[in-house]
Amino acid sequence: MQDITIKIIDREGTTHEVQAPIDMNMNIMELVRMYELAPEGTIGICGGMAMCASCQCYVLNDVTIPEKCDDEDAMLWEAYNVKENSRLGCQIQITAEIDGLEIELAPES
């Protein structure tokens, strides 16, 4: 298996079902940028260092993803529009285990 399927609801409310490569060491934030699902300069501003929350998303289904690290937890503590299911897309690696993940991009703050 080289690709998995992920559903992403963009900030306009449109659902995109995209193919994500598991062999390129990518994360959700990079996937959103690759498919241009958010305007340039509005997602991944810090480059994926868990320092800006521009890639915040809401996990919509019960796919098992890794626990939040301390940096992600701290950034979400300071972010806007945070919900119980909020995660930073830059901290969710694309692996075979997250096949079928459904997320919604959080609004820009």
C-alpha atoms as a PDB file:
ATOM      1  CA  MET A   1       0.000   0.000   0.000  1.00  0.00           C
ATOM      2  CA  GLN A   2       1.471   3.339  -1.066  1.00  0.00           C
ATOM      3  CA  ASP A   3      -1.457   5.709  -0.499  1.00  0.00           C
ATOM      4  CA  ILE A   4      -4.247   6.105   2.018  1.00  0.00           C
ATOM      5  CA  THR A   5      -7.493   8.070   1.723  1.00  0.00           C
ATOM      6  CA  ILE A   6      -8.180  11.101   3.918  1.00  0.00           C
ATOM      7  CA  LYS A   7     -11.262  13.325   3.876  1.00  0.00           C
ATOM      8  CA  ILE A   8     -10.611  17.013   4.464  1.00  0.00           C
ATOM      9  CA  ILE A   9     -13.296  19.677   4.863  1.00  0.00           C
ATOM     10  CA  ASP A  10     -11.766  23.000   3.870  1.00  0.00           C
ATOM     11  CA  ARG A  11     -12.544  26.376   5.454  1.00  0.00           C
ATOM     12  CA  GLU A  12     -15.295  26.957   2.891  1.00  0.00           C
ATOM     13  CA  GLY A  13     -17.096  23.755   3.935  1.00  0.00           C
ATOM     14  CA  THR A  14     -16.193  21.732   0.831  1.00  0.00           C
ATOM     15  CA  THR A  15     -15.238  18.085   1.386  1.00  0.00           C
ATOM     16  CA  HIS A  16     -12.201  16.742  -0.455  1.00  0.00           C
ATOM     17  CA  GLU A  17     -11.313  13.053  -0.533  1.00  0.00           C
ATOM     18  CA  VAL A  18      -7.578  12.948  -1.195  1.00  0.00           C
ATOM     19  CA  GLN A  19      -4.912  10.313  -1.609  1.00  0.00           C
ATOM     20  CA  ALA A  20      -2.007  10.622   0.812  1.00  0.00           C
ATOM     21  CA  PRO A  21       1.332   8.887   0.267  1.00  0.00           C
ATOM     22  CA  ILE A  22       2.584   6.930   3.268  1.00  0.00           C
ATOM     23  CA  ASP A  23       6.120   6.610   1.957  1.00  0.00           C
ATOM     24  CA  MET A  24       7.085  10.308   1.906  1.00  0.00           C
ATOM     25  CA  ASN A  25       7.192  11.155   5.650  1.00  0.00           C
ATOM     26  CA  MET A  26       4.478  13.808   5.233  1.00  0.00           C
ATOM     27  CA  ASN A  27       1.990  15.206   7.731  1.00  0.00           C
ATOM     28  CA  ILE A  28      -1.581  16.512   7.385  1.00  0.00           C
ATOM     29  CA  MET A  29      -0.483  20.148   7.130  1.00  0.00           C
ATOM     30  CA  GLU A  30       1.800  19.299   4.194  1.00  0.00           C
ATOM     31  CA  LEU A  31      -1.014  17.302   2.570  1.00  0.00           C
ATOM     32  CA  VAL A  32      -3.371  20.298   2.770  1.00  0.00           C
ATOM     33  CA  ARG A  33      -0.682  22.470   1.200  1.00  0.00           C
ATOM     34  CA  MET A  34       0.057  19.876  -1.500  1.00  0.00           C
ATOM     35  CA  TYR A  35      -3.599  19.810  -2.594  1.00  0.00           C
ATOM     36  CA  GLU A  36      -3.923  23.611  -2.127  1.00  0.00           C
ATOM     37  CA  LEU A  37      -6.942  23.245   0.176  1.00  0.00           C
ATOM     38  CA  ALA A  38      -6.151  26.487   2.012  1.00  0.00           C
ATOM     39  CA  PRO A  39      -4.968  29.801   0.554  1.00  0.00           C
ATOM     40  CA  GLU A  40      -1.194  30.213   0.318  1.00  0.00           C
ATOM     41  CA  GLY A  41       0.256  31.664   3.511  1.00  0.00           C
ATOM     42  CA  THR A  42      -2.671  30.654   5.736  1.00  0.00           C
ATOM     43  CA  ILE A  43      -1.576  27.193   6.822  1.00  0.00           C
ATOM     44  CA  GLY A  44       1.764  25.940   8.081  1.00  0.00           C
ATOM     45  CA  ILE A  45       3.100  29.407   8.734  1.00  0.00           C
ATOM     46  CA  CYS A  46       5.716  28.113  11.217  1.00  0.00           C
ATOM     47  CA  GLY A  47       6.801  25.373   8.834  1.00  0.00           C
ATOM     48  CA  GLY A  48       5.371  22.526  10.889  1.00  0.00           C
ATOM     49  CA  MET A  49       7.095  23.227  14.197  1.00  0.00           C
ATOM     50  CA  ALA A  50       3.883  23.292  16.331  1.00  0.00           C
ATOM     51  CA  MET A  51       4.433  26.997  16.971  1.00  0.00           C
ATOM     52  CA  CYS A  52       1.552  28.799  15.245  1.00  0.00           C
ATOM     53  CA  ALA A  53      -1.669  26.706  15.155  1.00  0.00           C
ATOM     54  CA  SER A  54      -2.407  27.818  11.575  1.00  0.00           C
ATOM     55  CA  CYS A  55      -2.848  24.131  10.694  1.00  0.00           C
ATOM     56  CA  GLN A  56      -5.331  23.422  13.493  1.00  0.00           C
ATOM     57  CA  CYS A  57      -7.956  20.919  12.450  1.00  0.00           C
ATOM     58  CA  TYR A  58     -10.797  18.996  14.040  1.00  0.00           C
ATOM     59  CA  VAL A  59     -10.651  15.201  13.961  1.00  0.00           C
ATOM     60  CA  LEU A  60     -14.149  14.027  12.996  1.00  0.00           C
ATOM     61  CA  ASN A  61     -13.941  10.243  13.292  1.00  0.00           C
ATOM     62  CA  ASP A  62     -12.477   7.537  15.500  1.00  0.00           C
ATOM     63  CA  VAL A  63      -9.295   6.814  13.563  1.00  0.00           C
ATOM     64  CA  THR A  64      -6.466   6.190  16.009  1.00  0.00           C
ATOM     65  CA  ILE A  65      -3.842   8.927  15.822  1.00  0.00           C
ATOM     66  CA  PRO A  66      -0.842   9.439  18.103  1.00  0.00           C
ATOM     67  CA  GLU A  67      -1.327  11.318  21.372  1.00  0.00           C
ATOM     68  CA  LYS A  68      -0.521  15.034  21.517  1.00  0.00           C
ATOM     69  CA  CYS A  69       3.036  15.900  22.440  1.00  0.00           C
ATOM     70  CA  ASP A  70       3.706  18.647  24.998  1.00  0.00           C
ATOM     71  CA  ASP A  71       4.477  21.263  22.306  1.00  0.00           C
ATOM     72  CA  GLU A  72       1.200  20.587  20.503  1.00  0.00           C
ATOM     73  CA  ASP A  73      -0.772  20.692  23.741  1.00  0.00           C
ATOM     74  CA  ALA A  74       0.851  24.017  24.709  1.00  0.00           C
ATOM     75  CA  MET A  75       0.147  25.570  21.299  1.00  0.00           C
ATOM     76  CA  LEU A  76      -3.494  24.493  21.364  1.00  0.00           C
ATOM     77  CA  TRP A  77      -3.809  25.993  24.842  1.00  0.00           C
ATOM     78  CA  GLU A  78      -3.047  29.408  23.272  1.00  0.00           C
ATOM     79  CA  ALA A  79      -4.922  28.976  19.968  1.00  0.00           C
ATOM     80  CA  TYR A  80      -8.358  30.263  18.939  1.00  0.00           C
ATOM     81  CA  ASN A  81     -11.390  28.133  18.019  1.00  0.00           C
ATOM     82  CA  VAL A  82     -10.047  25.143  19.969  1.00  0.00           C
ATOM     83  CA  LYS A  83     -12.407  22.221  20.500  1.00  0.00           C
ATOM     84  CA  GLU A  84     -12.042  18.918  22.324  1.00  0.00           C
ATOM     85  CA  ASN A  85     -11.139  17.237  19.012  1.00  0.00           C
ATOM     86  CA  SER A  86      -8.580  19.883  17.935  1.00  0.00           C
ATOM     87  CA  ARG A  87      -5.179  18.796  16.670  1.00  0.00           C
ATOM     88  CA  LEU A  88      -2.349  20.458  14.800  1.00  0.00           C
ATOM     89  CA  GLY A  89      -2.128  19.002  11.304  1.00  0.00           C
ATOM     90  CA  CYS A  90       1.663  19.310  11.353  1.00  0.00           C
ATOM     91  CA  GLN A  91       1.772  16.842  14.238  1.00  0.00           C
ATOM     92  CA  ILE A  92      -0.254  14.092  12.529  1.00  0.00           C
ATOM     93  CA  GLN A  93       2.083  11.989  10.410  1.00  0.00           C
ATOM     94  CA  ILE A  94       0.627  10.225   7.394  1.00  0.00           C
ATOM     95  CA  THR A  95       0.857   6.517   8.097  1.00  0.00           C
ATOM     96  CA  ALA A  96      -1.162   3.464   7.102  1.00  0.00           C
ATOM     97  CA  GLU A  97      -2.811   3.541  10.557  1.00  0.00           C
ATOM     98  CA  ILE A  98      -4.696   6.789   9.816  1.00  0.00           C
ATOM     99  CA  ASP A  99      -6.330   5.520   6.611  1.00  0.00           C
ATOM    100  CA  GLY A 100      -9.892   6.888   6.504  1.00  0.00           C
ATOM    101  CA  LEU A 101      -9.153   9.891   8.751  1.00  0.00           C
ATOM    102  CA  GLU A 102     -11.693  12.693   8.426  1.00  0.00           C
ATOM    103  CA  ILE A 103     -10.759  16.227   9.463  1.00  0.00           C
ATOM    104  CA  GLU A 104     -12.099  19.747   9.167  1.00  0.00           C
ATOM    105  CA  LEU A 105      -9.764  22.720   8.958  1.00  0.00           C
ATOM    106  CA  ALA A 106     -10.311  25.160  11.807  1.00  0.00           C
ATOM    107  CA  PRO A 107     -11.242  28.723  10.818  1.00  0.00           C
ATOM    108  CA  GLU A 108      -8.455  31.258  10.484  1.00  0.00           C
ATOM    109  CA  SER A 109      -8.123  33.235  13.685  1.00  0.00           C
END
